Amino acid sequence: MDMNFTAAEIAFRDEVRAFLKNALPNWLSAKVKSGKRLKKQDRETWHAALNDRGWLASAWPVEHGGPGWTPVQKHIFEGECVAAGAPGIVPFGLAMFAPVLIKFGSDRQKAYYLPRILSGEDWWCQGYSEPGAGSDLASLKTRAIRDGDHYVVNGQKTWTTLGHYANRMFCLVKTDTRVKPQDGISFLLVDMESPGVTVRPIVTLDGEHEVNEVFLDNVRVPVRNLVGEENKGWTYAKYLLTHERTGIAGVAFAKQGMAHLKRVAQDQKKDGRPLAHDPLFAARMAQVEIDLMAMETFNLRVVSAAAAGGAPGVESSLLKIKGTVIRQEITDLLRRAVGPYALPFTPEAFEEGYNQAPIGPDYAGPVASAYFNMRKLSIYGGSNEIQKNIVAKQMLRL
């Protein structure tokens, strides 16, 4: 596989860099690079800029508003955005729900929801995990009972990322309890402003309100909000998860994190010389960089194979496993590199306007928060242990 960019791809990279220079506000890039908390309007600002350029839905087919990029162009774009300090695009509508809708949704649903995702009118969240039904998602308990032209939904969802911002949720519900668990699940679209929907915050170890629990008490959902066929939701859920797991690998974020780690290791000293010259620390950095280079190559192969419109297969599980381990290892090495400066952790330091002098180097402030936050990577999207089982069954036939 030739890893060198063609002349056309280099020209595209230069076009992306020029766009980022002109369209990405300096204040927004500074917030991202300094680890400050992003507000809803910060994400919406970048969402709108990409939509105006026609570059928001990078993986969508052209007929639905995508830019028609090759997998390599998409790879270049993502890498340049991360390097420039652009906010990550919220994936739930664009990269998770939309592929399901495009493949399985009705024409009416596509015509209504896809433009609203692009415009930002709808902010989607994911209603999958429940208390007692995370990695074992088929055991979910949220029920949807048909009542005329509506379903009446009762249950609870948890770890709902950015659900406090969302006005829509794609939700897995149990519509038939008489069959095996996977065969009785449906894929419903829930209006978060419906009576009976309650969102409560969950504050995580890093002090962030990023995830929530969502309670559904006799929520009436129109039958027209069913995606595909009733009781076929497990098929749609698995299709969505392959896209999610490929994205969780986060190659661009890992590359940026690796570059930052190298700079920190040169700046930090051990026995009067750069930490990067310490044999043990250098060996750990080298190993994670080798793994990252291998994963980047594999990621390009996976997205290239999926370019025809199909979902990645078991390869997405491999990417999810390795990508999350690499990103966790990078944050662990950063924590070790800054040493005792990683200990002070004041949540208010990540708010805009906080101007007290940092303790230690300015890059040490976000280290603890990032380390704690990255612990979740190997759990969400299906825990790594479950992904290993999938690989064993589907690829190794064990």
Protein backbone atom coordinates (compact mmCIF):
# COMPACT_ATOMS: atom_id res chain seq x y z
CA MET A 1 0.00 0.00 0.00
CA ASP A 2 1.52 3.31 -1.10
CA MET A 3 1.34 5.70 1.86
CA ASN A 4 2.51 8.73 -0.14
CA PHE A 5 -0.11 11.27 -1.16
CA THR A 6 -0.65 11.90 -4.87
CA ALA A 7 -0.28 15.38 -6.34
CA ALA A 8 -4.07 15.74 -6.32
CA GLU A 9 -4.24 14.72 -2.66
CA ILE A 10 -1.51 17.19 -1.72
CA ALA A 11 -3.45 19.92 -3.55
CA PHE A 12 -6.55 18.91 -1.57
CA ARG A 13 -4.58 19.06 1.68
CA ASP A 14 -3.47 22.61 0.81
CA GLU A 15 -7.08 23.53 0.05
CA VAL A 16 -8.16 22.22 3.47
CA ARG A 17 -5.38 24.13 5.21
CA ALA A 18 -6.40 27.35 3.46
CA PHE A 19 -10.01 26.81 4.45
CA LEU A 20 -9.07 26.19 8.08
CA LYS A 21 -6.92 29.31 8.16
CA ASN A 22 -9.82 31.45 6.96
CA ALA A 23 -12.87 29.74 8.48
CA LEU A 24 -11.71 28.46 11.88
CA PRO A 25 -11.88 31.33 14.41
CA ASN A 26 -8.65 31.83 16.36
CA TRP A 27 -10.55 32.06 19.64
CA LEU A 28 -12.17 28.70 19.00
CA SER A 29 -8.93 26.99 18.04
CA ALA A 30 -7.29 28.43 21.18
CA LYS A 31 -10.05 26.97 23.38
CA VAL A 32 -9.59 23.53 21.85
CA LYS A 33 -5.80 23.54 22.08
CA SER A 34 -5.79 24.75 25.69
CA GLY A 35 -8.30 22.11 26.79
CA LYS A 36 -11.05 24.59 27.71
CA ARG A 37 -14.61 23.34 27.93
CA LEU A 38 -16.60 23.83 24.75
CA LYS A 39 -20.11 25.24 24.94
CA LYS A 40 -22.94 24.24 22.68
CA GLN A 41 -22.61 27.41 20.62
CA ASP A 42 -18.89 26.75 20.10
CA ARG A 43 -19.67 23.44 18.44
CA GLU A 44 -22.51 24.99 16.46
CA THR A 45 -20.18 27.70 15.14
CA TRP A 46 -17.87 25.13 13.57
CA HIS A 47 -20.76 22.97 12.43
CA ALA A 48 -22.20 25.94 10.51
CA ALA A 49 -18.84 26.87 8.95
CA LEU A 50 -18.36 23.35 7.60
CA ASN A 51 -21.93 23.19 6.33
CA ASP A 52 -21.53 26.50 4.49
CA ARG A 53 -18.48 25.05 2.72
CA GLY A 54 -20.26 21.78 1.94
CA TRP A 55 -17.73 19.79 3.97
CA LEU A 56 -19.81 18.83 6.98
CA ALA A 57 -21.13 15.40 6.00
CA SER A 58 -17.81 14.03 4.80
CA ALA A 59 -18.98 10.39 4.68
CA TRP A 60 -22.43 10.96 3.14
CA PRO A 61 -23.23 10.13 -0.49
CA VAL A 62 -23.23 13.14 -2.80
CA GLU A 63 -26.95 12.82 -3.49
CA HIS A 64 -27.67 13.45 0.19
CA GLY A 65 -25.28 16.37 0.65
CA GLY A 66 -21.87 14.75 0.99
CA PRO A 67 -18.77 16.23 -0.70
CA GLY A 68 -17.93 13.07 -2.66
CA TRP A 69 -14.52 12.60 -1.08
CA THR A 70 -12.38 9.53 -1.35
CA PRO A 71 -11.40 7.77 1.90
CA VAL A 72 -7.94 9.33 1.61
CA GLN A 73 -9.40 12.83 1.28
CA LYS A 74 -11.57 12.22 4.34
CA HIS A 75 -8.47 10.99 6.20
CA ILE A 76 -6.54 14.12 5.19
CA PHE A 77 -9.40 16.41 6.19
CA GLU A 78 -9.78 14.87 9.64
CA GLY A 79 -6.06 15.05 10.30
CA GLU A 80 -5.78 18.68 9.26
CA CYS A 81 -8.81 19.67 11.37
CA VAL A 82 -7.31 18.11 14.49
CA ALA A 83 -3.90 19.67 13.82
CA ALA A 84 -5.50 23.11 13.42
CA GLY A 85 -7.41 22.82 16.70
CA ALA A 86 -10.90 22.51 15.23
CA PRO A 87 -13.59 21.13 17.55
CA GLY A 88 -14.59 17.56 16.93
CA ILE A 89 -17.89 17.29 15.12
CA VAL A 90 -20.63 15.82 17.29
CA PRO A 91 -21.02 12.41 15.64
CA PHE A 92 -24.48 11.26 16.69
CA GLY A 93 -26.49 12.78 13.87
CA LEU A 94 -23.85 13.05 11.17
CA ALA A 95 -21.78 9.90 11.54
CA MET A 96 -24.04 7.47 13.41
CA PHE A 97 -27.74 8.08 12.80
CA ALA A 98 -27.45 9.40 9.24
CA PRO A 99 -25.80 6.24 7.79
CA VAL A 100 -28.61 4.15 9.31
CA LEU A 101 -31.25 6.51 7.95
CA ILE A 102 -29.70 6.57 4.48
CA LYS A 103 -29.58 2.78 4.29
CA PHE A 104 -32.78 1.76 6.11
CA GLY A 105 -34.99 4.85 6.47
CA SER A 106 -38.01 5.79 4.38
CA ASP A 107 -37.84 8.46 1.70
CA ARG A 108 -39.99 10.70 3.90
CA GLN A 109 -37.62 10.29 6.84
CA LYS A 110 -34.56 11.03 4.71
CA ALA A 111 -36.15 14.11 3.15
CA TYR A 112 -37.13 15.45 6.56
CA TYR A 113 -34.22 14.59 8.86
CA LEU A 114 -31.08 14.75 6.71
CA PRO A 115 -31.38 18.49 5.87
CA ARG A 116 -32.08 19.24 9.54
CA ILE A 117 -28.90 17.42 10.56
CA LEU A 118 -26.89 19.51 8.12
CA SER A 119 -28.48 22.81 9.16
CA GLY A 120 -28.00 22.05 12.85
CA GLU A 121 -31.73 22.38 13.49
CA ASP A 122 -31.69 18.92 15.04
CA TRP A 123 -29.13 17.84 17.64
CA TRP A 124 -29.20 14.06 18.09
CA CYS A 125 -28.21 11.86 20.99
CA GLN A 126 -27.99 8.07 21.29
CA GLY A 127 -30.42 6.04 23.39
CA TYR A 128 -28.70 2.66 23.54
CA SER A 129 -27.16 1.85 26.94
CA GLU A 130 -29.29 1.22 30.00
CA PRO A 131 -28.58 0.31 33.62
CA GLY A 132 -27.77 -3.38 33.27
CA ALA A 133 -27.65 -3.25 29.47
CA GLY A 134 -24.41 -1.77 28.21
CA SER A 135 -22.13 -4.24 26.51
CA ASP A 136 -25.00 -6.75 26.73
CA LEU A 137 -27.22 -4.40 24.77
CA ALA A 138 -29.71 -7.08 23.72
CA SER A 139 -30.92 -7.28 27.32
CA LEU A 140 -32.33 -3.74 27.25
CA LYS A 141 -35.60 -3.25 29.12
CA THR A 142 -37.10 -0.07 27.64
CA ARG A 143 -40.53 -1.06 26.28
CA ALA A 144 -42.53 0.41 23.41
CA ILE A 145 -46.15 -0.76 23.22
CA ARG A 146 -48.23 0.02 20.14
CA ASP A 147 -51.28 2.18 20.82
CA GLY A 148 -52.98 3.13 17.56
CA ASP A 149 -50.74 5.50 15.61
CA HIS A 150 -48.26 5.79 18.49
CA TYR A 151 -45.88 3.74 20.59
CA VAL A 152 -45.99 4.32 24.35
CA VAL A 153 -42.39 4.14 25.60
CA ASN A 154 -41.28 3.46 29.17
CA GLY A 155 -37.73 2.90 30.38
CA GLN A 156 -34.38 4.47 31.15
CA LYS A 157 -31.26 5.19 29.10
CA THR A 158 -27.87 6.05 30.57
CA TRP A 159 -24.48 7.47 29.53
CA THR A 160 -26.37 9.61 27.02
CA THR A 161 -23.59 11.85 25.73
CA LEU A 162 -24.59 15.52 25.32
CA GLY A 163 -28.22 14.54 25.80
CA HIS A 164 -28.79 17.79 27.67
CA TYR A 165 -28.23 19.63 24.37
CA ALA A 166 -30.24 17.27 22.16
CA ASN A 167 -33.75 17.75 20.83
CA ARG A 168 -33.84 14.28 19.20
CA MET A 169 -32.78 10.79 20.25
CA PHE A 170 -32.47 7.61 18.20
CA CYS A 171 -33.50 4.93 20.62
CA LEU A 172 -33.53 1.15 20.88
CA VAL A 173 -36.70 -0.20 22.43
CA LYS A 174 -38.18 -3.63 23.09
CA THR A 175 -41.33 -4.15 20.99
CA ASP A 176 -41.67 -7.94 21.37
CA THR A 177 -40.74 -9.84 24.53
CA ARG A 178 -41.90 -13.25 23.28
CA VAL A 179 -38.91 -13.89 21.03
CA LYS A 180 -35.19 -14.08 21.68
CA PRO A 181 -33.84 -10.69 22.81
CA GLN A 182 -32.21 -9.63 19.53
CA ASP A 183 -35.39 -10.32 17.54
CA GLY A 184 -37.69 -8.08 19.56
CA ILE A 185 -35.89 -4.72 19.30
CA SER A 186 -36.97 -1.71 17.24
CA PHE A 187 -35.28 1.56 16.27
CA LEU A 188 -37.37 4.61 17.26
CA LEU A 189 -36.83 8.36 16.86
CA VAL A 190 -37.84 10.24 20.00
CA ASP A 191 -38.54 13.96 20.33
CA MET A 192 -36.68 14.97 23.51
CA GLU A 193 -39.26 17.69 24.17
CA SER A 194 -42.09 15.14 24.41
CA PRO A 195 -44.00 14.94 27.72
CA GLY A 196 -42.48 12.24 29.91
CA VAL A 197 -38.84 12.72 28.85
CA THR A 198 -36.55 13.69 31.75
CA VAL A 199 -32.79 14.31 31.41
CA ARG A 200 -30.59 14.19 34.52
CA PRO A 201 -26.85 14.96 34.51
CA ILE A 202 -24.06 12.53 35.36
CA VAL A 203 -20.85 14.31 36.39
CA THR A 204 -17.85 12.16 35.50
CA LEU A 205 -14.50 11.73 37.24
CA ASP A 206 -12.93 14.59 35.30
CA GLY A 207 -15.57 17.00 36.59
CA GLU A 208 -17.44 17.21 33.28
CA HIS A 209 -21.16 17.13 32.61
CA GLU A 210 -20.88 15.29 29.33
CA VAL A 211 -23.18 12.32 29.90
CA ASN A 212 -26.70 11.95 31.26
CA GLU A 213 -29.40 9.52 32.22
CA VAL A 214 -32.70 9.83 30.36
CA PHE A 215 -36.02 8.66 31.78
CA LEU A 216 -38.97 7.87 29.50
CA ASP A 217 -42.34 7.75 31.27
CA ASN A 218 -45.30 7.01 29.01
CA VAL A 219 -43.71 8.91 26.14
CA ARG A 220 -45.88 8.83 23.03
CA VAL A 221 -43.88 8.37 19.82
CA PRO A 222 -45.61 8.42 16.41
CA VAL A 223 -45.38 5.13 14.52
CA ARG A 224 -43.99 7.10 11.55
CA ASN A 225 -40.85 7.57 13.69
CA LEU A 226 -40.03 3.89 13.41
CA VAL A 227 -36.95 3.38 11.24
CA GLY A 228 -37.20 0.36 8.97
CA GLU A 229 -39.30 -2.57 10.16
CA GLU A 230 -40.59 -3.30 13.63
CA ASN A 231 -38.39 -5.81 15.53
CA LYS A 232 -35.49 -5.34 13.07
CA GLY A 233 -33.73 -2.74 15.19
CA TRP A 234 -30.90 -5.07 16.20
CA THR A 235 -29.74 -5.18 12.57
CA TYR A 236 -29.78 -1.39 12.36
CA ALA A 237 -28.04 -1.04 15.73
CA LYS A 238 -25.17 -3.30 14.66
CA TYR A 239 -24.80 -1.34 11.42
CA LEU A 240 -24.59 1.91 13.39
CA LEU A 241 -22.07 0.50 15.86
CA THR A 242 -19.62 -0.46 13.11
CA HIS A 243 -19.50 3.21 12.09
CA GLU A 244 -19.18 4.34 15.72
CA ARG A 245 -16.37 1.91 16.52
CA THR A 246 -14.35 2.93 13.47
CA GLY A 247 -14.64 6.55 14.60
CA ILE A 248 -13.69 5.77 18.21
CA ALA A 249 -10.27 4.62 16.94
CA GLY A 250 -9.54 8.36 16.53
CA VAL A 251 -6.42 8.12 14.38
CA ALA A 252 -6.18 11.88 13.87
CA PHE A 253 -6.56 12.59 17.58
CA ALA A 254 -3.97 9.94 18.43
CA LYS A 255 -1.47 11.44 15.96
CA GLN A 256 -1.95 14.90 17.41
CA GLY A 257 -1.62 13.51 20.93
CA MET A 258 1.57 11.70 19.97
CA ALA A 259 3.09 14.87 18.55
CA HIS A 260 2.19 16.73 21.74
CA LEU A 261 3.69 13.96 23.88
CA LYS A 262 6.98 14.24 22.00
CA ARG A 263 7.13 17.99 22.62
CA VAL A 264 6.40 17.54 26.31
CA ALA A 265 9.02 14.77 26.61
CA GLN A 266 11.62 17.11 25.13
CA ASP A 267 10.66 19.91 27.52
CA GLN A 268 10.48 17.86 30.72
CA LYS A 269 13.80 16.95 32.34
CA LYS A 270 15.05 13.89 34.15
CA ASP A 271 18.52 13.95 35.69
CA GLY A 272 19.24 17.16 33.80
CA ARG A 273 18.39 15.89 30.32
CA PRO A 274 15.15 15.66 28.31
CA LEU A 275 12.79 12.92 29.39
CA ALA A 276 12.70 11.79 25.75
CA HIS A 277 16.31 10.60 26.22
CA ASP A 278 15.41 8.32 29.11
CA PRO A 279 15.66 4.77 27.69
CA LEU A 280 12.55 3.37 29.40
CA PHE A 281 10.32 6.35 28.60
CA ALA A 282 11.66 6.56 25.05
CA ALA A 283 10.94 2.85 24.55
CA ARG A 284 7.32 3.29 25.63
CA MET A 285 6.91 6.27 23.30
CA ALA A 286 8.44 4.33 20.44
CA GLN A 287 6.14 1.36 20.99
CA VAL A 288 2.98 3.45 20.99
CA GLU A 289 4.13 5.33 17.89
CA ILE A 290 4.82 2.07 16.06
CA ASP A 291 1.35 0.84 17.03
CA LEU A 292 -0.16 4.11 15.86
CA MET A 293 1.54 3.92 12.47
CA ALA A 294 0.29 0.36 11.99
CA MET A 295 -3.23 1.35 13.02
CA GLU A 296 -3.26 4.30 10.61
CA THR A 297 -2.38 1.98 7.74
CA PHE A 298 -5.06 -0.49 8.79
CA ASN A 299 -7.61 2.32 9.17
CA LEU A 300 -6.97 3.48 5.61
CA ARG A 301 -7.50 -0.04 4.35
CA VAL A 302 -10.77 -0.37 6.25
CA VAL A 303 -12.24 2.92 5.04
CA SER A 304 -11.07 2.20 1.50
CA ALA A 305 -12.85 -1.16 1.54
CA ALA A 306 -16.01 0.58 2.79
CA ALA A 307 -15.88 3.32 0.12
CA ALA A 308 -18.55 1.60 -1.97
CA GLY A 309 -21.11 2.34 0.74
CA GLY A 310 -20.99 -0.78 2.86
CA ALA A 311 -20.34 -0.73 6.58
CA PRO A 312 -16.99 -1.88 7.95
CA GLY A 313 -17.17 -5.42 9.30
CA VAL A 314 -15.29 -7.05 12.13
CA GLU A 315 -12.35 -4.78 11.26
CA SER A 316 -14.16 -1.98 13.08
CA SER A 317 -13.83 -3.99 16.29
CA LEU A 318 -10.09 -4.36 15.75
CA LEU A 319 -9.78 -0.62 15.17
CA LYS A 320 -11.83 0.13 18.27
CA ILE A 321 -9.68 -2.12 20.46
CA LYS A 322 -6.31 -0.88 19.27
CA GLY A 323 -7.32 2.76 18.82
CA THR A 324 -8.66 3.13 22.35
CA VAL A 325 -5.63 1.41 23.91
CA ILE A 326 -3.28 3.72 21.98
CA ARG A 327 -5.14 6.87 23.01
CA GLN A 328 -5.19 5.75 26.65
CA GLU A 329 -1.47 4.98 26.54
CA ILE A 330 -0.69 8.45 25.16
CA THR A 331 -2.59 10.19 27.97
CA ASP A 332 -0.91 7.91 30.51
CA LEU A 333 2.53 8.82 29.18
CA LEU A 334 1.62 12.52 29.26
CA ARG A 335 0.58 12.13 32.90
CA ARG A 336 3.86 10.46 33.71
CA ALA A 337 5.83 13.05 31.74
CA VAL A 338 4.54 16.06 33.68
CA GLY A 339 4.95 14.22 37.00
CA PRO A 340 3.61 16.03 40.08
CA TYR A 341 2.23 18.88 37.92
CA ALA A 342 -0.50 16.45 36.85
CA LEU A 343 -1.81 16.28 40.43
CA PRO A 344 -3.52 19.70 40.76
CA PHE A 345 -6.94 19.40 39.19
CA THR A 346 -9.32 22.33 39.47
CA PRO A 347 -12.44 21.93 37.29
CA GLU A 348 -12.98 25.69 37.07
CA ALA A 349 -9.62 26.02 35.29
CA PHE A 350 -11.27 24.65 32.15
CA GLU A 351 -13.92 27.35 32.05
CA GLU A 352 -13.56 30.25 29.65
CA GLY A 353 -12.26 33.34 31.45
CA TYR A 354 -10.28 31.50 34.13
CA ASN A 355 -7.04 33.47 34.34
CA GLN A 356 -5.15 32.32 37.41
CA ALA A 357 -1.54 31.41 36.88
CA PRO A 358 -1.14 27.69 36.07
CA ILE A 359 0.71 25.36 38.40
CA GLY A 360 3.69 24.16 36.43
CA PRO A 361 3.92 24.34 32.62
CA ASP A 362 0.80 25.61 30.86
CA TYR A 363 0.41 22.28 29.05
CA ALA A 364 0.16 20.40 32.38
CA GLY A 365 -3.29 21.77 33.26
CA PRO A 366 -5.44 19.56 30.99
CA VAL A 367 -3.38 16.39 31.52
CA ALA A 368 -5.27 14.94 34.49
CA SER A 369 -8.65 15.75 32.97
CA ALA A 370 -7.72 14.10 29.66
CA TYR A 371 -6.29 11.06 31.43
CA PHE A 372 -9.48 10.50 33.44
CA ASN A 373 -11.74 11.13 30.46
CA MET A 374 -9.91 8.67 28.22
CA ARG A 375 -10.55 5.81 30.66
CA LYS A 376 -14.02 5.50 29.14
CA LEU A 377 -12.77 4.83 25.61
CA SER A 378 -12.26 1.11 26.10
CA ILE A 379 -15.81 0.76 27.48
CA TYR A 380 -18.20 2.75 25.32
CA GLY A 381 -19.23 1.65 21.84
CA GLY A 382 -19.05 -1.91 23.19
CA SER A 383 -16.31 -2.76 25.68
CA ASN A 384 -12.99 -4.02 24.35
CA GLU A 385 -13.62 -7.39 25.96
CA ILE A 386 -16.82 -7.74 23.91
CA GLN A 387 -14.97 -6.63 20.76
CA LYS A 388 -12.41 -9.39 21.31
CA ASN A 389 -15.25 -11.91 21.49
CA ILE A 390 -16.63 -10.56 18.20
CA VAL A 391 -13.24 -10.92 16.54
CA ALA A 392 -12.83 -14.43 17.90
CA LYS A 393 -16.23 -15.55 16.63
CA GLN A 394 -16.36 -13.79 13.27
CA MET A 395 -12.75 -13.66 12.16
CA LEU A 396 -11.02 -16.52 13.96
CA ARG A 397 -14.14 -18.76 14.01
CA LEU A 398 -13.50 -19.73 17.62
